[in-house]
Amino acid sequence: MHKTDMAKAIDRSLDMLGEPSKKAMLFHLAHTFKIPLEGKCSIREIESALKEILGEGASLVIASINNELRQKTR
C-alpha cells in the first residue's frame, strides 16, 4: 500500500512517542477519528484529533509533522 506524504510525516513524527504509543495513536486516528491516513486527510483534521488525544502535548507532534512536510517540499 502506498503511503501519502502526510501519512509518512505522521508516522515519523509519532516515533517520538515510542512504538506501542505510536501504534495506539495511529489506531485511534484511523478508527476513533475516522482519519484516512492512507488517503487524503488534512493537517487540520490531524491537529484536531491530536489535540483531543494529547492536549497541549500535541503541539510537539504537530510541529514535527509540519517540519516533515516542509522538508518533503524542498
PDB file of N, CA and C in Angstrom:
ATOM      1  N   MET A   1       0.844  -1.175   0.000  1.00  0.00           N
ATOM      2  CA  MET A   1       0.000   0.000   0.000  1.00  0.00           C
ATOM      3  C   MET A   1       0.898   1.250   0.000  1.00  0.00           C
ATOM      4  N   HIS A   2       0.551   2.222  -0.791  1.00  0.00           N
ATOM      5  CA  HIS A   2       1.335   3.442  -0.941  1.00  0.00           C
ATOM      6  C   HIS A   2       0.970   4.444   0.142  1.00  0.00           C
ATOM      7  N   LYS A   3       1.983   4.929   0.843  1.00  0.00           N
ATOM      8  CA  LYS A   3       1.735   5.935   1.885  1.00  0.00           C
ATOM      9  C   LYS A   3       1.840   7.327   1.293  1.00  0.00           C
ATOM     10  N   THR A   4       0.921   8.195   1.697  1.00  0.00           N
ATOM     11  CA  THR A   4       0.977   9.587   1.268  1.00  0.00           C
ATOM     12  C   THR A   4       2.079  10.303   2.039  1.00  0.00           C
ATOM     13  N   ASP A   5       2.458  11.476   1.566  1.00  0.00           N
ATOM     14  CA  ASP A   5       3.455  12.276   2.276  1.00  0.00           C
ATOM     15  C   ASP A   5       2.971  12.594   3.686  1.00  0.00           C
ATOM     16  N   MET A   6       1.669  12.865   3.823  1.00  0.00           N
ATOM     17  CA  MET A   6       1.107  13.168   5.129  1.00  0.00           C
ATOM     18  C   MET A   6       1.239  11.950   6.045  1.00  0.00           C
ATOM     19  N   ALA A   7       0.894  10.768   5.533  1.00  0.00           N
ATOM     20  CA  ALA A   7       0.978   9.546   6.339  1.00  0.00           C
ATOM     21  C   ALA A   7       2.417   9.288   6.776  1.00  0.00           C
ATOM     22  N   LYS A   8       3.355   9.515   5.877  1.00  0.00           N
ATOM     23  CA  LYS A   8       4.777   9.329   6.217  1.00  0.00           C
ATOM     24  C   LYS A   8       5.204  10.317   7.293  1.00  0.00           C
ATOM     25  N   ALA A   9       4.771  11.565   7.166  1.00  0.00           N
ATOM     26  CA  ALA A   9       5.130  12.592   8.145  1.00  0.00           C
ATOM     27  C   ALA A   9       4.539  12.264   9.514  1.00  0.00           C
ATOM     28  N   ILE A  10       3.301  11.808   9.534  1.00  0.00           N
ATOM     29  CA  ILE A  10       2.662  11.421  10.794  1.00  0.00           C
ATOM     30  C   ILE A  10       3.406  10.253  11.410  1.00  0.00           C
ATOM     31  N   ASP A  11       3.704   9.257  10.602  1.00  0.00           N
ATOM     32  CA  ASP A  11       4.396   8.062  11.069  1.00  0.00           C
ATOM     33  C   ASP A  11       5.748   8.413  11.688  1.00  0.00           C
ATOM     34  N   ARG A  12       6.530   9.216  10.987  1.00  0.00           N
ATOM     35  CA  ARG A  12       7.855   9.612  11.502  1.00  0.00           C
ATOM     36  C   ARG A  12       7.734  10.475  12.761  1.00  0.00           C
ATOM     37  N   SER A  13       6.752  11.353  12.788  1.00  0.00           N
ATOM     38  CA  SER A  13       6.584  12.251  13.928  1.00  0.00           C
ATOM     39  C   SER A  13       6.125  11.511  15.181  1.00  0.00           C
ATOM     40  N   LEU A  14       5.316  10.498  15.008  1.00  0.00           N
ATOM     41  CA  LEU A  14       4.847   9.736  16.159  1.00  0.00           C
ATOM     42  C   LEU A  14       5.929   8.815  16.730  1.00  0.00           C
ATOM     43  N   ASP A  15       7.033   8.667  16.006  1.00  0.00           N
ATOM     44  CA  ASP A  15       8.160   7.870  16.517  1.00  0.00           C
ATOM     45  C   ASP A  15       8.622   8.373  17.879  1.00  0.00           C
ATOM     46  N   MET A  16       8.466   9.679  18.135  1.00  0.00           N
ATOM     47  CA  MET A  16       8.930  10.256  19.403  1.00  0.00           C
ATOM     48  C   MET A  16       8.176   9.696  20.607  1.00  0.00           C
ATOM     49  N   LEU A  17       7.024   9.067  20.362  1.00  0.00           N
ATOM     50  CA  LEU A  17       6.213   8.526  21.449  1.00  0.00           C
ATOM     51  C   LEU A  17       6.588   7.092  21.821  1.00  0.00           C
ATOM     52  N   GLY A  18       7.414   6.460  21.002  1.00  0.00           N
ATOM     53  CA  GLY A  18       7.738   5.052  21.214  1.00  0.00           C
ATOM     54  C   GLY A  18       6.757   4.185  20.430  1.00  0.00           C
ATOM     55  N   GLU A  19       7.173   2.984  20.090  1.00  0.00           N
ATOM     56  CA  GLU A  19       6.395   2.119  19.202  1.00  0.00           C
ATOM     57  C   GLU A  19       5.001   1.754  19.728  1.00  0.00           C
ATOM     58  N   PRO A  20       4.850   1.328  20.985  1.00  0.00           N
ATOM     59  CA  PRO A  20       3.495   0.978  21.450  1.00  0.00           C
ATOM     60  C   PRO A  20       2.527   2.172  21.420  1.00  0.00           C
ATOM     61  N   SER A  21       3.007   3.336  21.848  1.00  0.00           N
ATOM     62  CA  SER A  21       2.159   4.539  21.840  1.00  0.00           C
ATOM     63  C   SER A  21       1.858   4.986  20.421  1.00  0.00           C
ATOM     64  N   LYS A  22       2.846   4.856  19.558  1.00  0.00           N
ATOM     65  CA  LYS A  22       2.666   5.219  18.151  1.00  0.00           C
ATOM     66  C   LYS A  22       1.567   4.359  17.525  1.00  0.00           C
ATOM     67  N   LYS A  23       1.619   3.058  17.770  1.00  0.00           N
ATOM     68  CA  LYS A  23       0.602   2.163  17.218  1.00  0.00           C
ATOM     69  C   LYS A  23      -0.782   2.512  17.750  1.00  0.00           C
ATOM     70  N   ALA A  24      -0.863   2.829  19.038  1.00  0.00           N
ATOM     71  CA  ALA A  24      -2.149   3.208  19.632  1.00  0.00           C
ATOM     72  C   ALA A  24      -2.671   4.501  19.009  1.00  0.00           C
ATOM     73  N   MET A  25      -1.790   5.468  18.816  1.00  0.00           N
ATOM     74  CA  MET A  25      -2.194   6.746  18.214  1.00  0.00           C
ATOM     75  C   MET A  25      -2.698   6.539  16.794  1.00  0.00           C
ATOM     76  N   LEU A  26      -1.964   5.759  15.997  1.00  0.00           N
ATOM     77  CA  LEU A  26      -2.378   5.503  14.618  1.00  0.00           C
ATOM     78  C   LEU A  26      -3.735   4.797  14.584  1.00  0.00           C
ATOM     79  N   PHE A  27      -3.934   3.860  15.507  1.00  0.00           N
ATOM     80  CA  PHE A  27      -5.215   3.169  15.592  1.00  0.00           C
ATOM     81  C   PHE A  27      -6.343   4.164  15.884  1.00  0.00           C
ATOM     82  N   HIS A  28      -6.141   5.026  16.872  1.00  0.00           N
ATOM     83  CA  HIS A  28      -7.195   5.985  17.247  1.00  0.00           C
ATOM     84  C   HIS A  28      -7.445   7.020  16.165  1.00  0.00           C
ATOM     85  N   LEU A  29      -6.392   7.462  15.504  1.00  0.00           N
ATOM     86  CA  LEU A  29      -6.583   8.412  14.408  1.00  0.00           C
ATOM     87  C   LEU A  29      -7.453   7.787  13.313  1.00  0.00           C
ATOM     88  N   ALA A  30      -7.162   6.520  12.996  1.00  0.00           N
ATOM     89  CA  ALA A  30      -7.885   5.848  11.914  1.00  0.00           C
ATOM     90  C   ALA A  30      -9.284   5.395  12.320  1.00  0.00           C
ATOM     91  N   HIS A  31      -9.423   4.855  13.528  1.00  0.00           N
ATOM     92  CA  HIS A  31     -10.698   4.249  13.905  1.00  0.00           C
ATOM     93  C   HIS A  31     -11.605   5.155  14.734  1.00  0.00           C
ATOM     94  N   THR A  32     -11.047   5.829  15.716  1.00  0.00           N
ATOM     95  CA  THR A  32     -11.864   6.705  16.562  1.00  0.00           C
ATOM     96  C   THR A  32     -12.221   7.997  15.833  1.00  0.00           C
ATOM     97  N   PHE A  33     -11.229   8.575  15.149  1.00  0.00           N
ATOM     98  CA  PHE A  33     -11.440   9.869  14.487  1.00  0.00           C
ATOM     99  C   PHE A  33     -11.727   9.743  12.994  1.00  0.00           C
ATOM    100  N   LYS A  34     -11.698   8.507  12.485  1.00  0.00           N
ATOM    101  CA  LYS A  34     -12.020   8.225  11.076  1.00  0.00           C
ATOM    102  C   LYS A  34     -11.164   9.033  10.100  1.00  0.00           C
ATOM    103  N   ILE A  35      -9.889   9.185  10.434  1.00  0.00           N
ATOM    104  CA  ILE A  35      -8.975   9.917   9.564  1.00  0.00           C
ATOM    105  C   ILE A  35      -8.313   8.911   8.619  1.00  0.00           C
ATOM    106  N   PRO A  36      -8.501   9.099   7.311  1.00  0.00           N
ATOM    107  CA  PRO A  36      -7.956   8.155   6.334  1.00  0.00           C
ATOM    108  C   PRO A  36      -6.450   8.376   6.129  1.00  0.00           C
ATOM    109  N   LEU A  37      -5.650   7.753   6.962  1.00  0.00           N
ATOM    110  CA  LEU A  37      -4.208   8.008   6.924  1.00  0.00           C
ATOM    111  C   LEU A  37      -3.551   7.564   5.620  1.00  0.00           C
ATOM    112  N   GLU A  38      -4.147   6.627   4.926  1.00  0.00           N
ATOM    113  CA  GLU A  38      -3.591   6.180   3.649  1.00  0.00           C
ATOM    114  C   GLU A  38      -4.211   6.916   2.464  1.00  0.00           C
ATOM    115  N   GLY A  39      -5.142   7.787   2.759  1.00  0.00           N
ATOM    116  CA  GLY A  39      -5.786   8.575   1.710  1.00  0.00           C
ATOM    117  C   GLY A  39      -5.574  10.051   1.983  1.00  0.00           C
ATOM    118  N   LYS A  40      -6.445  10.848   1.442  1.00  0.00           N
ATOM    119  CA  LYS A  40      -6.343  12.289   1.660  1.00  0.00           C
ATOM    120  C   LYS A  40      -6.871  12.650   3.033  1.00  0.00           C
ATOM    121  N   CYS A  41      -6.068  13.359   3.776  1.00  0.00           N
ATOM    122  CA  CYS A  41      -6.509  13.901   5.058  1.00  0.00           C
ATOM    123  C   CYS A  41      -5.853  15.263   5.219  1.00  0.00           C
ATOM    124  N   SER A  42      -6.509  16.132   5.943  1.00  0.00           N
ATOM    125  CA  SER A  42      -5.977  17.480   6.095  1.00  0.00           C
ATOM    126  C   SER A  42      -5.205  17.598   7.400  1.00  0.00           C
ATOM    127  N   ILE A  43      -4.272  18.529   7.416  1.00  0.00           N
ATOM    128  CA  ILE A  43      -3.487  18.781   8.626  1.00  0.00           C
ATOM    129  C   ILE A  43      -4.418  19.246   9.742  1.00  0.00           C
ATOM    130  N   ARG A  44      -5.490  19.951   9.404  1.00  0.00           N
ATOM    131  CA  ARG A  44      -6.444  20.417  10.423  1.00  0.00           C
ATOM    132  C   ARG A  44      -7.129  19.242  11.126  1.00  0.00           C
ATOM    133  N   GLU A  45      -7.490  18.217  10.349  1.00  0.00           N
ATOM    134  CA  GLU A  45      -8.086  17.012  10.946  1.00  0.00           C
ATOM    135  C   GLU A  45      -7.111  16.357  11.924  1.00  0.00           C
ATOM    136  N   ILE A  46      -5.873  16.255  11.496  1.00  0.00           N
ATOM    137  CA  ILE A  46      -4.839  15.621  12.315  1.00  0.00           C
ATOM    138  C   ILE A  46      -4.615  16.446  13.578  1.00  0.00           C
ATOM    139  N   GLU A  47      -4.469  17.763  13.420  1.00  0.00           N
ATOM    140  CA  GLU A  47      -4.247  18.646  14.568  1.00  0.00           C
ATOM    141  C   GLU A  47      -5.369  18.522  15.585  1.00  0.00           C
ATOM    142  N   SER A  48      -6.594  18.557  15.111  1.00  0.00           N
ATOM    143  CA  SER A  48      -7.750  18.480  15.999  1.00  0.00           C
ATOM    144  C   SER A  48      -7.759  17.166  16.778  1.00  0.00           C
ATOM    145  N   ALA A  49      -7.528  16.063  16.087  1.00  0.00           N
ATOM    146  CA  ALA A  49      -7.522  14.755  16.748  1.00  0.00           C
ATOM    147  C   ALA A  49      -6.378  14.655  17.753  1.00  0.00           C
ATOM    148  N   LEU A  50      -5.194  15.103  17.364  1.00  0.00           N
ATOM    149  CA  LEU A  50      -4.047  15.021  18.274  1.00  0.00           C
ATOM    150  C   LEU A  50      -4.260  15.878  19.512  1.00  0.00           C
ATOM    151  N   LYS A  51      -4.853  17.060  19.333  1.00  0.00           N
ATOM    152  CA  LYS A  51      -5.133  17.927  20.482  1.00  0.00           C
ATOM    153  C   LYS A  51      -6.142  17.284  21.430  1.00  0.00           C
ATOM    154  N   GLU A  52      -7.108  16.589  20.856  1.00  0.00           N
ATOM    155  CA  GLU A  52      -8.098  15.917  21.697  1.00  0.00           C
ATOM    156  C   GLU A  52      -7.453  14.763  22.478  1.00  0.00           C
ATOM    157  N   ILE A  53      -6.528  14.063  21.848  1.00  0.00           N
ATOM    158  CA  ILE A  53      -5.879  12.918  22.495  1.00  0.00           C
ATOM    159  C   ILE A  53      -4.784  13.361  23.460  1.00  0.00           C
ATOM    160  N   LEU A  54      -3.914  14.265  22.998  1.00  0.00           N
ATOM    161  CA  LEU A  54      -2.709  14.618  23.757  1.00  0.00           C
ATOM    162  C   LEU A  54      -2.788  15.941  24.506  1.00  0.00           C
ATOM    163  N   GLY A  55      -3.817  16.711  24.272  1.00  0.00           N
ATOM    164  CA  GLY A  55      -3.898  18.023  24.911  1.00  0.00           C
ATOM    165  C   GLY A  55      -2.777  18.923  24.422  1.00  0.00           C
ATOM    166  N   GLU A  56      -2.173  19.649  25.347  1.00  0.00           N
ATOM    167  CA  GLU A  56      -1.102  20.593  24.988  1.00  0.00           C
ATOM    168  C   GLU A  56       0.121  19.889  24.405  1.00  0.00           C
ATOM    169  N   GLY A  57       0.309  18.632  24.757  1.00  0.00           N
ATOM    170  CA  GLY A  57       1.446  17.872  24.225  1.00  0.00           C
ATOM    171  C   GLY A  57       1.385  17.665  22.727  1.00  0.00           C
ATOM    172  N   ALA A  58       0.215  17.857  22.151  1.00  0.00           N
ATOM    173  CA  ALA A  58       0.051  17.683  20.707  1.00  0.00           C
ATOM    174  C   ALA A  58       0.905  18.668  19.921  1.00  0.00           C
ATOM    175  N   SER A  59       1.202  19.812  20.503  1.00  0.00           N
ATOM    176  CA  SER A  59       1.963  20.836  19.769  1.00  0.00           C
ATOM    177  C   SER A  59       3.328  20.321  19.314  1.00  0.00           C
ATOM    178  N   LEU A  60       3.956  19.462  20.105  1.00  0.00           N
ATOM    179  CA  LEU A  60       5.263  18.899  19.719  1.00  0.00           C
ATOM    180  C   LEU A  60       5.133  17.986  18.506  1.00  0.00           C
ATOM    181  N   VAL A  61       4.104  17.151  18.510  1.00  0.00           N
ATOM    182  CA  VAL A  61       3.895  16.231  17.387  1.00  0.00           C
ATOM    183  C   VAL A  61       3.481  17.011  16.144  1.00  0.00           C
ATOM    184  N   ILE A  62       2.610  17.991  16.305  1.00  0.00           N
ATOM    185  CA  ILE A  62       2.156  18.806  15.178  1.00  0.00           C
ATOM    186  C   ILE A  62       3.324  19.566  14.552  1.00  0.00           C
ATOM    187  N   ALA A  63       4.184  20.128  15.389  1.00  0.00           N
ATOM    188  CA  ALA A  63       5.365  20.840  14.875  1.00  0.00           C
ATOM    189  C   ALA A  63       6.253  19.880  14.092  1.00  0.00           C
ATOM    190  N   SER A  64       6.406  18.674  14.584  1.00  0.00           N
ATOM    191  CA  SER A  64       7.222  17.679  13.889  1.00  0.00           C
ATOM    192  C   SER A  64       6.603  17.294  12.546  1.00  0.00           C
ATOM    193  N   ILE A  65       5.286  17.111  12.523  1.00  0.00           N
ATOM    194  CA  ILE A  65       4.601  16.782  11.264  1.00  0.00           C
ATOM    195  C   ILE A  65       4.804  17.905  10.254  1.00  0.00           C
ATOM    196  N   ASN A  66       4.602  19.151  10.690  1.00  0.00           N
ATOM    197  CA  ASN A  66       4.786  20.297   9.792  1.00  0.00           C
ATOM    198  C   ASN A  66       6.214  20.371   9.284  1.00  0.00           C
ATOM    199  N   ASN A  67       7.188  20.098  10.155  1.00  0.00           N
ATOM    200  CA  ASN A  67       8.591  20.101   9.753  1.00  0.00           C
ATOM    201  C   ASN A  67       8.859  19.011   8.714  1.00  0.00           C
ATOM    202  N   GLU A  68       8.322  17.820   8.942  1.00  0.00           N
ATOM    203  CA  GLU A  68       8.482  16.710   7.981  1.00  0.00           C
ATOM    204  C   GLU A  68       7.898  17.087   6.621  1.00  0.00           C
ATOM    205  N   LEU A  69       6.736  17.709   6.628  1.00  0.00           N
ATOM    206  CA  LEU A  69       6.095  18.103   5.375  1.00  0.00           C
ATOM    207  C   LEU A  69       6.883  19.191   4.651  1.00  0.00           C
ATOM    208  N   ARG A  70       7.423  20.157   5.413  1.00  0.00           N
ATOM    209  CA  ARG A  70       8.238  21.214   4.815  1.00  0.00           C
ATOM    210  C   ARG A  70       9.491  20.628   4.172  1.00  0.00           C
ATOM    211  N   GLN A  71      10.128  19.673   4.861  1.00  0.00           N
ATOM    212  CA  GLN A  71      11.340  19.046   4.315  1.00  0.00           C
ATOM    213  C   GLN A  71      11.026  18.304   3.010  1.00  0.00           C
ATOM    214  N   LYS A  72       9.849  17.719   2.934  1.00  0.00           N
ATOM    215  CA  LYS A  72       9.445  16.962   1.745  1.00  0.00           C
ATOM    216  C   LYS A  72       9.294  17.885   0.538  1.00  0.00           C
ATOM    217  N   THR A  73       8.897  19.135   0.767  1.00  0.00           N
ATOM    218  CA  THR A  73       8.677  20.066  -0.349  1.00  0.00           C
ATOM    219  C   THR A  73       9.942  20.767  -0.803  1.00  0.00           C
ATOM    220  N   ARG A  74      11.033  20.538  -0.107  1.00  0.00           N
ATOM    221  CA  ARG A  74      12.301  21.187  -0.507  1.00  0.00           C
ATOM    222  C   ARG A  74      12.977  20.441  -1.603  1.00  0.00           C
TER     223      ARG A  74
END
